Amino acid sequence: MTLGLACINLAVFVLISWQGPGLAGQLMLSPITQSLGDGVLATGFADGAWWQPLTSAFTQIYWWHLVTNLVVLWVLGQQVEERIGAIRMLAIYLAGALLGSAAVLWLGARNEVVTGASGAIYALFGVLVVWAIRRRVNLLLIIAIVAVNVYASVSIPQISWQAHLGGLLAGLGAGLWMKFPDSRRNSRRIARVRA
């Protein structure tokens, strides 16, 4: 699933690079219809672009934005997928994308335009934190990574802290709600099948 999500993000980037910024204006999350300059019009969510809360989570405009999100998705996504399975991981990724977009629409400025997978990625952070707490795993590294990302979210003006907050809350909520598979029981079951 992690590889599939990474491929979708990459495919959307390639498609935007090929079609031009007009497509990006349709896919990114824009609360209202507005001009982004150079003849690019971002259709607004309030004006009927209902798909944007989801499509914006797969839309990266700059190559460095794509590479950053894909690296974090690759590392974090594999960890989460291994612990909870592909279908649950996909559900949490999509929930993070949607709740991140909802937070942008609710807490952000009317003319704020948002793209990127980071809200969905923050949901993966959230569920991994809950998993680590329940398994009594050393949280120092996970908390340090989340803290650095939270600091970047509020200190760098181009980063949408609202999307990150919404995604993180989605992941924490999903983690608190779900029952995690018992990895020890699964490994014993596998050992019995092989014997």
N, C-alpha and C. Protein backbone atom coordinates (compact mmCIF):
# COMPACT_ATOMS: atom_id res chain seq x y z
N MET A 1 0.83 -1.19 0.00
CA MET A 1 0.00 0.00 0.00
C MET A 1 0.88 1.26 0.00
N THR A 2 1.95 1.22 0.78
CA THR A 2 2.84 2.38 0.83
C THR A 2 3.39 2.69 -0.56
N LEU A 3 3.83 1.68 -1.24
CA LEU A 3 4.35 1.87 -2.60
C LEU A 3 3.27 2.41 -3.53
N GLY A 4 2.06 1.90 -3.41
CA GLY A 4 0.95 2.37 -4.24
C GLY A 4 0.64 3.84 -4.01
N LEU A 5 0.61 4.27 -2.74
CA LEU A 5 0.35 5.68 -2.43
C LEU A 5 1.47 6.57 -2.95
N ALA A 6 2.71 6.11 -2.81
CA ALA A 6 3.84 6.87 -3.34
C ALA A 6 3.74 7.01 -4.85
N CYS A 7 3.34 5.94 -5.52
CA CYS A 7 3.20 5.98 -6.98
C CYS A 7 2.09 6.93 -7.42
N ILE A 8 0.99 6.97 -6.67
CA ILE A 8 -0.10 7.90 -7.01
C ILE A 8 0.39 9.35 -6.89
N ASN A 9 1.10 9.65 -5.79
CA ASN A 9 1.65 11.00 -5.61
C ASN A 9 2.59 11.36 -6.75
N LEU A 10 3.44 10.43 -7.12
CA LEU A 10 4.38 10.67 -8.21
C LEU A 10 3.65 10.85 -9.54
N ALA A 11 2.64 10.02 -9.80
CA ALA A 11 1.88 10.12 -11.05
C ALA A 11 1.16 11.45 -11.17
N VAL A 12 0.59 11.95 -10.07
CA VAL A 12 -0.08 13.25 -10.11
C VAL A 12 0.92 14.35 -10.39
N PHE A 13 2.11 14.28 -9.78
CA PHE A 13 3.16 15.27 -10.05
C PHE A 13 3.55 15.27 -11.52
N VAL A 14 3.75 14.09 -12.10
CA VAL A 14 4.12 13.98 -13.51
C VAL A 14 2.99 14.53 -14.39
N LEU A 15 1.76 14.22 -14.06
CA LEU A 15 0.61 14.69 -14.83
C LEU A 15 0.51 16.22 -14.79
N ILE A 16 0.73 16.81 -13.62
CA ILE A 16 0.70 18.27 -13.50
C ILE A 16 1.84 18.88 -14.29
N SER A 17 3.02 18.26 -14.23
CA SER A 17 4.17 18.77 -14.98
C SER A 17 3.90 18.73 -16.48
N TRP A 18 3.16 17.73 -16.93
CA TRP A 18 2.85 17.57 -18.34
C TRP A 18 1.69 18.47 -18.78
N GLN A 19 0.64 18.52 -17.98
CA GLN A 19 -0.56 19.29 -18.34
C GLN A 19 -0.43 20.78 -18.05
N GLY A 20 0.38 21.13 -17.08
CA GLY A 20 0.56 22.53 -16.73
C GLY A 20 -0.16 22.91 -15.45
N PRO A 21 0.05 24.14 -15.00
CA PRO A 21 -0.47 24.58 -13.71
C PRO A 21 -2.00 24.67 -13.65
N GLY A 22 -2.67 24.69 -14.79
CA GLY A 22 -4.13 24.74 -14.78
C GLY A 22 -4.73 23.53 -14.08
N LEU A 23 -4.13 22.36 -14.28
CA LEU A 23 -4.59 21.15 -13.60
C LEU A 23 -4.36 21.25 -12.10
N ALA A 24 -3.21 21.80 -11.72
CA ALA A 24 -2.93 21.97 -10.29
C ALA A 24 -3.98 22.86 -9.64
N GLY A 25 -4.44 23.88 -10.35
CA GLY A 25 -5.48 24.76 -9.83
C GLY A 25 -6.79 24.05 -9.56
N GLN A 26 -7.03 22.96 -10.26
CA GLN A 26 -8.24 22.17 -10.03
C GLN A 26 -8.07 21.17 -8.88
N LEU A 27 -6.84 20.70 -8.65
CA LEU A 27 -6.60 19.64 -7.67
C LEU A 27 -6.26 20.15 -6.27
N MET A 28 -5.60 21.30 -6.18
CA MET A 28 -5.20 21.82 -4.88
C MET A 28 -6.41 22.31 -4.10
N LEU A 29 -6.28 22.41 -2.79
CA LEU A 29 -7.38 22.86 -1.94
C LEU A 29 -7.38 24.37 -1.86
N SER A 30 -8.43 24.96 -2.39
CA SER A 30 -8.62 26.41 -2.34
C SER A 30 -10.02 26.67 -1.80
N PRO A 31 -10.15 27.31 -0.65
CA PRO A 31 -11.48 27.54 -0.09
C PRO A 31 -12.41 28.31 -1.03
N ILE A 32 -11.85 29.29 -1.76
CA ILE A 32 -12.64 30.09 -2.70
C ILE A 32 -11.96 30.08 -4.06
N THR A 33 -12.71 30.38 -5.10
CA THR A 33 -12.12 30.51 -6.43
C THR A 33 -11.27 31.77 -6.46
N GLN A 34 -10.02 31.63 -6.91
CA GLN A 34 -9.11 32.77 -6.91
C GLN A 34 -8.03 32.60 -7.96
N SER A 35 -7.50 33.71 -8.39
CA SER A 35 -6.41 33.69 -9.36
C SER A 35 -5.09 33.52 -8.62
N LEU A 36 -4.25 32.62 -9.13
CA LEU A 36 -2.93 32.40 -8.54
C LEU A 36 -1.84 33.09 -9.33
N GLY A 37 -2.23 33.89 -10.32
CA GLY A 37 -1.27 34.58 -11.18
C GLY A 37 -0.90 33.74 -12.38
N ASP A 38 -0.29 34.35 -13.37
CA ASP A 38 0.12 33.68 -14.60
C ASP A 38 -1.03 32.95 -15.28
N GLY A 39 -2.23 33.47 -15.12
CA GLY A 39 -3.40 32.89 -15.77
C GLY A 39 -3.92 31.61 -15.14
N VAL A 40 -3.42 31.27 -13.95
CA VAL A 40 -3.86 30.04 -13.27
C VAL A 40 -5.01 30.39 -12.33
N LEU A 41 -6.13 29.69 -12.49
CA LEU A 41 -7.31 29.89 -11.67
C LEU A 41 -7.50 28.67 -10.78
N ALA A 42 -7.54 28.89 -9.48
CA ALA A 42 -7.82 27.81 -8.53
C ALA A 42 -9.31 27.82 -8.25
N THR A 43 -9.99 26.76 -8.66
CA THR A 43 -11.41 26.65 -8.38
C THR A 43 -11.60 26.44 -6.89
N GLY A 44 -12.58 27.11 -6.30
CA GLY A 44 -12.78 27.04 -4.87
C GLY A 44 -13.66 25.90 -4.42
N PHE A 45 -13.35 25.36 -3.25
CA PHE A 45 -14.16 24.32 -2.64
C PHE A 45 -15.58 24.83 -2.41
N ALA A 46 -15.68 26.07 -1.95
CA ALA A 46 -16.99 26.67 -1.70
C ALA A 46 -17.78 26.86 -2.99
N ASP A 47 -17.10 26.85 -4.12
CA ASP A 47 -17.77 27.04 -5.41
C ASP A 47 -17.98 25.72 -6.15
N GLY A 48 -17.93 24.60 -5.41
CA GLY A 48 -18.29 23.32 -5.99
C GLY A 48 -17.17 22.35 -6.26
N ALA A 49 -15.93 22.68 -5.93
CA ALA A 49 -14.81 21.76 -6.16
C ALA A 49 -14.71 20.79 -4.98
N TRP A 50 -15.72 19.94 -4.84
CA TRP A 50 -15.86 19.04 -3.70
C TRP A 50 -14.74 18.00 -3.59
N TRP A 51 -14.03 17.73 -4.67
CA TRP A 51 -12.98 16.70 -4.70
C TRP A 51 -11.67 17.17 -4.06
N GLN A 52 -11.50 18.47 -3.90
CA GLN A 52 -10.21 19.01 -3.46
C GLN A 52 -9.71 18.54 -2.10
N PRO A 53 -10.57 18.31 -1.10
CA PRO A 53 -10.02 17.81 0.18
C PRO A 53 -9.25 16.50 0.02
N LEU A 54 -9.57 15.70 -0.97
CA LEU A 54 -8.84 14.45 -1.20
C LEU A 54 -7.72 14.63 -2.22
N THR A 55 -8.02 15.27 -3.36
CA THR A 55 -7.00 15.38 -4.41
C THR A 55 -5.81 16.24 -3.99
N SER A 56 -6.05 17.22 -3.12
CA SER A 56 -4.94 18.07 -2.68
C SER A 56 -3.89 17.27 -1.91
N ALA A 57 -4.29 16.16 -1.29
CA ALA A 57 -3.34 15.34 -0.53
C ALA A 57 -2.45 14.49 -1.43
N PHE A 58 -2.73 14.48 -2.72
CA PHE A 58 -1.89 13.77 -3.68
C PHE A 58 -1.20 14.73 -4.64
N THR A 59 -1.31 16.04 -4.37
CA THR A 59 -0.82 17.06 -5.29
C THR A 59 0.36 17.80 -4.68
N GLN A 60 1.51 17.65 -5.30
CA GLN A 60 2.71 18.41 -4.95
C GLN A 60 3.11 19.22 -6.18
N ILE A 61 3.43 20.48 -5.98
CA ILE A 61 3.75 21.36 -7.10
C ILE A 61 5.25 21.37 -7.39
N TYR A 62 6.06 21.39 -6.37
CA TYR A 62 7.51 21.50 -6.51
C TYR A 62 8.16 20.13 -6.28
N TRP A 63 9.26 19.88 -7.00
CA TRP A 63 9.93 18.58 -6.91
C TRP A 63 10.44 18.31 -5.50
N TRP A 64 10.95 19.35 -4.81
CA TRP A 64 11.47 19.16 -3.46
C TRP A 64 10.36 18.81 -2.48
N HIS A 65 9.16 19.34 -2.73
CA HIS A 65 8.00 19.02 -1.90
C HIS A 65 7.61 17.55 -2.09
N LEU A 66 7.61 17.13 -3.34
CA LEU A 66 7.31 15.73 -3.66
C LEU A 66 8.33 14.79 -3.03
N VAL A 67 9.62 15.08 -3.20
CA VAL A 67 10.67 14.19 -2.69
C VAL A 67 10.59 14.10 -1.17
N THR A 68 10.42 15.23 -0.49
CA THR A 68 10.32 15.23 0.97
C THR A 68 9.16 14.36 1.44
N ASN A 69 7.98 14.58 0.85
CA ASN A 69 6.82 13.80 1.27
C ASN A 69 6.96 12.32 0.93
N LEU A 70 7.55 12.01 -0.22
CA LEU A 70 7.70 10.60 -0.59
C LEU A 70 8.69 9.87 0.31
N VAL A 71 9.76 10.54 0.70
CA VAL A 71 10.74 9.90 1.60
C VAL A 71 10.08 9.61 2.95
N VAL A 72 9.39 10.60 3.51
CA VAL A 72 8.73 10.39 4.81
C VAL A 72 7.63 9.33 4.68
N LEU A 73 6.85 9.39 3.62
CA LEU A 73 5.81 8.39 3.40
C LEU A 73 6.41 6.99 3.29
N TRP A 74 7.50 6.86 2.56
CA TRP A 74 8.13 5.55 2.37
C TRP A 74 8.59 4.96 3.70
N VAL A 75 9.28 5.77 4.50
CA VAL A 75 9.82 5.28 5.78
C VAL A 75 8.69 5.03 6.78
N LEU A 76 7.83 6.00 6.95
CA LEU A 76 6.77 5.91 7.96
C LEU A 76 5.67 4.95 7.52
N GLY A 77 5.29 5.02 6.26
CA GLY A 77 4.21 4.17 5.76
C GLY A 77 4.51 2.69 5.92
N GLN A 78 5.74 2.28 5.66
CA GLN A 78 6.10 0.87 5.82
C GLN A 78 5.99 0.44 7.27
N GLN A 79 6.40 1.33 8.19
CA GLN A 79 6.31 1.00 9.62
C GLN A 79 4.86 0.80 10.04
N VAL A 80 4.00 1.72 9.62
CA VAL A 80 2.59 1.64 10.00
C VAL A 80 1.93 0.45 9.33
N GLU A 81 2.18 0.27 8.05
CA GLU A 81 1.57 -0.84 7.31
C GLU A 81 1.95 -2.19 7.91
N GLU A 82 3.19 -2.33 8.34
CA GLU A 82 3.65 -3.58 8.95
C GLU A 82 2.90 -3.86 10.24
N ARG A 83 2.54 -2.82 10.97
CA ARG A 83 1.91 -3.00 12.28
C ARG A 83 0.40 -3.15 12.22
N ILE A 84 -0.25 -2.51 11.24
CA ILE A 84 -1.72 -2.54 11.24
C ILE A 84 -2.33 -3.10 9.97
N GLY A 85 -1.52 -3.36 8.95
CA GLY A 85 -2.04 -3.90 7.71
C GLY A 85 -2.30 -2.82 6.66
N ALA A 86 -2.39 -3.25 5.41
CA ALA A 86 -2.50 -2.33 4.28
C ALA A 86 -3.83 -1.58 4.25
N ILE A 87 -4.94 -2.27 4.50
CA ILE A 87 -6.25 -1.63 4.39
C ILE A 87 -6.43 -0.57 5.48
N ARG A 88 -6.06 -0.91 6.71
CA ARG A 88 -6.16 0.08 7.80
C ARG A 88 -5.23 1.27 7.55
N MET A 89 -4.04 0.97 7.05
CA MET A 89 -3.10 2.06 6.76
C MET A 89 -3.67 3.00 5.71
N LEU A 90 -4.28 2.45 4.66
CA LEU A 90 -4.92 3.27 3.63
C LEU A 90 -6.05 4.10 4.23
N ALA A 91 -6.87 3.49 5.07
CA ALA A 91 -7.98 4.22 5.68
C ALA A 91 -7.49 5.38 6.54
N ILE A 92 -6.42 5.17 7.28
CA ILE A 92 -5.87 6.23 8.12
C ILE A 92 -5.25 7.32 7.27
N TYR A 93 -4.56 6.95 6.21
CA TYR A 93 -3.98 7.92 5.28
C TYR A 93 -5.08 8.82 4.71
N LEU A 94 -6.17 8.22 4.24
CA LEU A 94 -7.27 9.00 3.65
C LEU A 94 -7.99 9.83 4.71
N ALA A 95 -8.16 9.28 5.91
CA ALA A 95 -8.79 10.05 6.98
C ALA A 95 -7.94 11.26 7.34
N GLY A 96 -6.61 11.08 7.37
CA GLY A 96 -5.71 12.20 7.65
C GLY A 96 -5.78 13.26 6.58
N ALA A 97 -5.88 12.81 5.32
CA ALA A 97 -6.02 13.77 4.21
C ALA A 97 -7.29 14.58 4.36
N LEU A 98 -8.40 13.92 4.64
CA LEU A 98 -9.70 14.60 4.73
C LEU A 98 -9.80 15.49 5.97
N LEU A 99 -9.35 14.99 7.12
CA LEU A 99 -9.42 15.82 8.33
C LEU A 99 -8.42 16.97 8.26
N GLY A 100 -7.27 16.73 7.63
CA GLY A 100 -6.32 17.83 7.42
C GLY A 100 -6.92 18.92 6.55
N SER A 101 -7.61 18.52 5.48
CA SER A 101 -8.28 19.50 4.61
C SER A 101 -9.40 20.22 5.35
N ALA A 102 -10.15 19.48 6.17
CA ALA A 102 -11.23 20.10 6.94
C ALA A 102 -10.66 21.16 7.89
N ALA A 103 -9.52 20.86 8.51
CA ALA A 103 -8.89 21.83 9.41
C ALA A 103 -8.44 23.08 8.65
N VAL A 104 -7.94 22.89 7.43
CA VAL A 104 -7.54 24.03 6.60
C VAL A 104 -8.76 24.89 6.28
N LEU A 105 -9.85 24.26 5.89
CA LEU A 105 -11.06 25.01 5.54
C LEU A 105 -11.65 25.73 6.75
N TRP A 106 -11.52 25.12 7.92
CA TRP A 106 -12.11 25.70 9.12
C TRP A 106 -11.21 26.74 9.78
N LEU A 107 -9.91 26.46 9.85
CA LEU A 107 -8.99 27.32 10.60
C LEU A 107 -8.12 28.22 9.73
N GLY A 108 -8.04 27.93 8.43
CA GLY A 108 -7.15 28.68 7.56
C GLY A 108 -7.79 29.94 7.01
N ALA A 109 -6.98 30.71 6.33
CA ALA A 109 -7.47 31.94 5.68
C ALA A 109 -8.28 31.58 4.45
N ARG A 110 -9.20 32.45 4.08
CA ARG A 110 -10.06 32.18 2.92
C ARG A 110 -9.28 32.06 1.63
N ASN A 111 -8.18 32.77 1.53
CA ASN A 111 -7.41 32.75 0.28
C ASN A 111 -6.20 31.80 0.35
N GLU A 112 -6.16 30.96 1.38
CA GLU A 112 -5.04 30.01 1.53
C GLU A 112 -5.23 28.85 0.56
N VAL A 113 -4.17 28.53 -0.19
CA VAL A 113 -4.18 27.41 -1.13
C VAL A 113 -3.21 26.37 -0.59
N VAL A 114 -3.68 25.11 -0.52
CA VAL A 114 -2.89 24.07 0.14
C VAL A 114 -2.74 22.86 -0.79
N THR A 115 -1.52 22.33 -0.83
CA THR A 115 -1.24 21.07 -1.54
C THR A 115 -0.33 20.22 -0.68
N GLY A 116 -0.31 18.92 -0.95
CA GLY A 116 0.67 18.06 -0.31
C GLY A 116 0.07 16.95 0.53
N ALA A 117 0.88 15.93 0.73
CA ALA A 117 0.46 14.73 1.44
C ALA A 117 0.72 14.80 2.94
N SER A 118 1.20 15.93 3.44
CA SER A 118 1.66 15.96 4.83
C SER A 118 0.55 15.76 5.85
N GLY A 119 -0.67 16.20 5.58
CA GLY A 119 -1.77 15.93 6.51
C GLY A 119 -2.00 14.43 6.66
N ALA A 120 -2.00 13.73 5.54
CA ALA A 120 -2.16 12.27 5.56
C ALA A 120 -0.97 11.61 6.25
N ILE A 121 0.22 12.13 6.02
CA ILE A 121 1.42 11.57 6.66
C ILE A 121 1.39 11.80 8.17
N TYR A 122 0.90 12.94 8.60
CA TYR A 122 0.77 13.19 10.04
C TYR A 122 -0.19 12.21 10.69
N ALA A 123 -1.19 11.75 9.96
CA ALA A 123 -2.09 10.73 10.51
C ALA A 123 -1.32 9.45 10.80
N LEU A 124 -0.37 9.12 9.93
CA LEU A 124 0.46 7.94 10.16
C LEU A 124 1.34 8.13 11.40
N PHE A 125 1.87 9.35 11.58
CA PHE A 125 2.60 9.66 12.81
C PHE A 125 1.72 9.41 14.03
N GLY A 126 0.49 9.92 13.98
CA GLY A 126 -0.42 9.80 15.12
C GLY A 126 -0.71 8.37 15.50
N VAL A 127 -1.00 7.52 14.52
CA VAL A 127 -1.31 6.13 14.83
C VAL A 127 -0.07 5.40 15.33
N LEU A 128 1.10 5.76 14.84
CA LEU A 128 2.33 5.13 15.30
C LEU A 128 2.63 5.51 16.76
N VAL A 129 2.33 6.74 17.15
CA VAL A 129 2.51 7.16 18.54
C VAL A 129 1.62 6.34 19.46
N VAL A 130 0.35 6.17 19.08
CA VAL A 130 -0.57 5.39 19.92
C VAL A 130 -0.11 3.93 20.00
N TRP A 131 0.32 3.37 18.87
CA TRP A 131 0.82 2.00 18.87
C TRP A 131 2.01 1.86 19.84
N ALA A 132 2.94 2.82 19.78
CA ALA A 132 4.13 2.76 20.62
C ALA A 132 3.76 2.87 22.10
N ILE A 133 2.80 3.71 22.44
CA ILE A 133 2.37 3.85 23.83
C ILE A 133 1.75 2.54 24.31
N ARG A 134 0.89 1.94 23.49
CA ARG A 134 0.24 0.69 23.90
C ARG A 134 1.23 -0.47 24.02
N ARG A 135 2.26 -0.47 23.22
CA ARG A 135 3.25 -1.55 23.24
C ARG A 135 4.39 -1.25 24.23
N ARG A 136 4.33 -0.07 24.87
CA ARG A 136 5.36 0.36 25.81
C ARG A 136 6.74 0.40 25.16
N VAL A 137 6.73 0.86 23.91
CA VAL A 137 7.97 1.03 23.16
C VAL A 137 8.59 2.37 23.56
N ASN A 138 9.90 2.48 23.52
CA ASN A 138 10.57 3.74 23.82
C ASN A 138 10.11 4.80 22.82
N LEU A 139 9.48 5.83 23.32
CA LEU A 139 8.88 6.87 22.48
C LEU A 139 9.82 8.01 22.16
N LEU A 140 11.02 8.00 22.69
CA LEU A 140 11.91 9.15 22.55
C LEU A 140 12.13 9.54 21.09
N LEU A 141 12.47 8.58 20.23
CA LEU A 141 12.74 8.89 18.83
C LEU A 141 11.47 9.37 18.12
N ILE A 142 10.35 8.68 18.34
CA ILE A 142 9.09 9.07 17.69
C ILE A 142 8.68 10.47 18.11
N ILE A 143 8.74 10.76 19.40
CA ILE A 143 8.35 12.08 19.90
C ILE A 143 9.30 13.15 19.35
N ALA A 144 10.59 12.84 19.27
CA ALA A 144 11.55 13.81 18.72
C ALA A 144 11.22 14.13 17.26
N ILE A 145 10.89 13.11 16.47
CA ILE A 145 10.55 13.32 15.06
C ILE A 145 9.28 14.16 14.93
N VAL A 146 8.26 13.81 15.73
CA VAL A 146 7.01 14.57 15.70
C VAL A 146 7.26 16.01 16.15
N ALA A 147 8.06 16.19 17.20
CA ALA A 147 8.34 17.54 17.71
C ALA A 147 9.04 18.41 16.66
N VAL A 148 10.03 17.84 15.96
CA VAL A 148 10.72 18.59 14.90
C VAL A 148 9.74 18.98 13.81
N ASN A 149 8.86 18.06 13.44
CA ASN A 149 7.87 18.36 12.39
C ASN A 149 6.85 19.39 12.85
N VAL A 150 6.43 19.32 14.11
CA VAL A 150 5.49 20.32 14.64
C VAL A 150 6.16 21.69 14.65
N TYR A 151 7.42 21.75 15.08
CA TYR A 151 8.15 23.02 15.08
C TYR A 151 8.22 23.60 13.66
N ALA A 152 8.55 22.75 12.69
CA ALA A 152 8.60 23.22 11.29
C ALA A 152 7.23 23.70 10.82
N SER A 153 6.18 23.03 11.28
CA SER A 153 4.82 23.40 10.87
C SER A 153 4.44 24.81 11.28
N VAL A 154 4.90 25.22 12.46
CA VAL A 154 4.51 26.54 12.95
C VAL A 154 5.54 27.62 12.68
N SER A 155 6.76 27.22 12.29
CA SER A 155 7.80 28.24 12.09
C SER A 155 8.06 28.57 10.62
N ILE A 156 7.68 27.70 9.70
CA ILE A 156 7.90 27.96 8.28
C ILE A 156 6.57 28.43 7.68
N PRO A 157 6.53 29.66 7.15
CA PRO A 157 5.25 30.23 6.70
C PRO A 157 4.55 29.43 5.59
N GLN A 158 5.27 28.76 4.72
CA GLN A 158 4.65 28.06 3.60
C GLN A 158 4.04 26.72 4.00
N ILE A 159 4.21 26.30 5.23
CA ILE A 159 3.69 25.00 5.68
C ILE A 159 2.35 25.23 6.37
N SER A 160 1.38 24.38 6.04
CA SER A 160 0.04 24.49 6.61
C SER A 160 -0.03 23.73 7.93
N TRP A 161 0.07 24.45 9.03
CA TRP A 161 -0.04 23.81 10.33
C TRP A 161 -1.43 23.22 10.53
N GLN A 162 -2.43 23.82 9.87
CA GLN A 162 -3.80 23.32 10.01
C GLN A 162 -3.93 21.90 9.45
N ALA A 163 -3.34 21.66 8.29
CA ALA A 163 -3.38 20.32 7.69
C ALA A 163 -2.64 19.32 8.55
N HIS A 164 -1.52 19.73 9.11
CA HIS A 164 -0.75 18.85 9.98
C HIS A 164 -1.53 18.52 11.25
N LEU A 165 -2.16 19.53 11.84
CA LEU A 165 -2.94 19.31 13.05
C LEU A 165 -4.11 18.37 12.78
N GLY A 166 -4.85 18.63 11.70
CA GLY A 166 -5.98 17.76 11.37
C GLY A 166 -5.55 16.33 11.12
N GLY A 167 -4.45 16.16 10.39
CA GLY A 167 -3.96 14.81 10.13
C GLY A 167 -3.51 14.10 11.39
N LEU A 168 -2.78 14.82 12.25
CA LEU A 168 -2.31 14.22 13.49
C LEU A 168 -3.48 13.79 14.36
N LEU A 169 -4.51 14.63 14.47
CA LEU A 169 -5.70 14.28 15.26
C LEU A 169 -6.40 13.06 14.67
N ALA A 170 -6.45 12.97 13.35
CA ALA A 170 -7.06 11.80 12.71
C ALA A 170 -6.30 10.53 13.07
N GLY A 171 -4.98 10.59 13.03
CA GLY A 171 -4.17 9.42 13.36
C GLY A 171 -4.26 9.03 14.83
N LEU A 172 -4.22 10.04 15.71
CA LEU A 172 -4.35 9.75 17.14
C LEU A 172 -5.72 9.14 17.44
N GLY A 173 -6.76 9.73 16.85
CA GLY A 173 -8.12 9.20 17.06
C GLY A 173 -8.28 7.79 16.55
N ALA A 174 -7.76 7.53 15.36
CA ALA A 174 -7.84 6.18 14.78
C ALA A 174 -7.06 5.19 15.63
N GLY A 175 -5.88 5.62 16.10
CA GLY A 175 -5.08 4.74 16.94
C GLY A 175 -5.75 4.40 18.25
N LEU A 176 -6.43 5.38 18.86
CA LEU A 176 -7.14 5.12 20.11
C LEU A 176 -8.34 4.22 19.89
N TRP A 177 -8.95 4.33 18.73
CA TRP A 177 -10.16 3.57 18.42
C TRP A 177 -9.85 2.13 18.04
N MET A 178 -8.77 1.90 17.32
CA MET A 178 -8.52 0.57 16.77
C MET A 178 -7.85 -0.37 17.76
N LYS A 179 -8.06 -1.64 17.50
CA LYS A 179 -7.36 -2.67 18.24
C LYS A 179 -6.19 -3.12 17.37
N PHE A 180 -4.99 -2.99 17.90
CA PHE A 180 -3.80 -3.37 17.14
C PHE A 180 -3.60 -4.88 17.20
N PRO A 181 -3.18 -5.47 16.08
CA PRO A 181 -2.90 -6.91 16.09
C PRO A 181 -1.79 -7.22 17.09
N ASP A 182 -1.91 -8.36 17.75
CA ASP A 182 -0.88 -8.79 18.70
C ASP A 182 0.24 -9.47 17.92
N SER A 183 1.36 -8.78 17.78
CA SER A 183 2.45 -9.30 16.97
C SER A 183 3.03 -10.59 17.55
N ARG A 184 3.02 -10.74 18.89
CA ARG A 184 3.55 -11.97 19.49
C ARG A 184 2.65 -13.15 19.16
N ARG A 185 1.32 -12.96 19.25
CA ARG A 185 0.41 -14.05 18.93
C ARG A 185 0.53 -14.44 17.45
N ASN A 186 0.64 -13.44 16.57
CA ASN A 186 0.79 -13.72 15.14
C ASN A 186 2.06 -14.51 14.86
N SER A 187 3.17 -14.15 15.53
CA SER A 187 4.42 -14.86 15.28
C SER A 187 4.35 -16.30 15.78
N ARG A 188 3.62 -16.55 16.92
CA ARG A 188 3.46 -17.92 17.41
C ARG A 188 2.62 -18.73 16.44
N ARG A 189 1.55 -18.09 15.89
CA ARG A 189 0.68 -18.78 14.95
C ARG A 189 1.45 -19.17 13.69
N ILE A 190 2.29 -18.24 13.19
CA ILE A 190 3.09 -18.52 12.01
C ILE A 190 4.06 -19.66 12.30
N ALA A 191 4.66 -19.68 13.50
CA ALA A 191 5.60 -20.74 13.85
C ALA A 191 4.91 -22.09 13.87
N ARG A 192 3.65 -22.16 14.37
CA ARG A 192 2.91 -23.41 14.41
C ARG A 192 2.59 -23.91 13.01
N VAL A 193 2.24 -23.00 12.11
CA VAL A 193 1.89 -23.37 10.74
C VAL A 193 3.12 -23.95 10.04
N ARG A 194 4.27 -23.37 10.29
CA ARG A 194 5.50 -23.83 9.62
C ARG A 194 6.00 -25.13 10.19
N ALA A 195 5.67 -25.44 11.46
CA ALA A 195 6.21 -26.66 12.10
C ALA A 195 5.57 -27.92 11.56
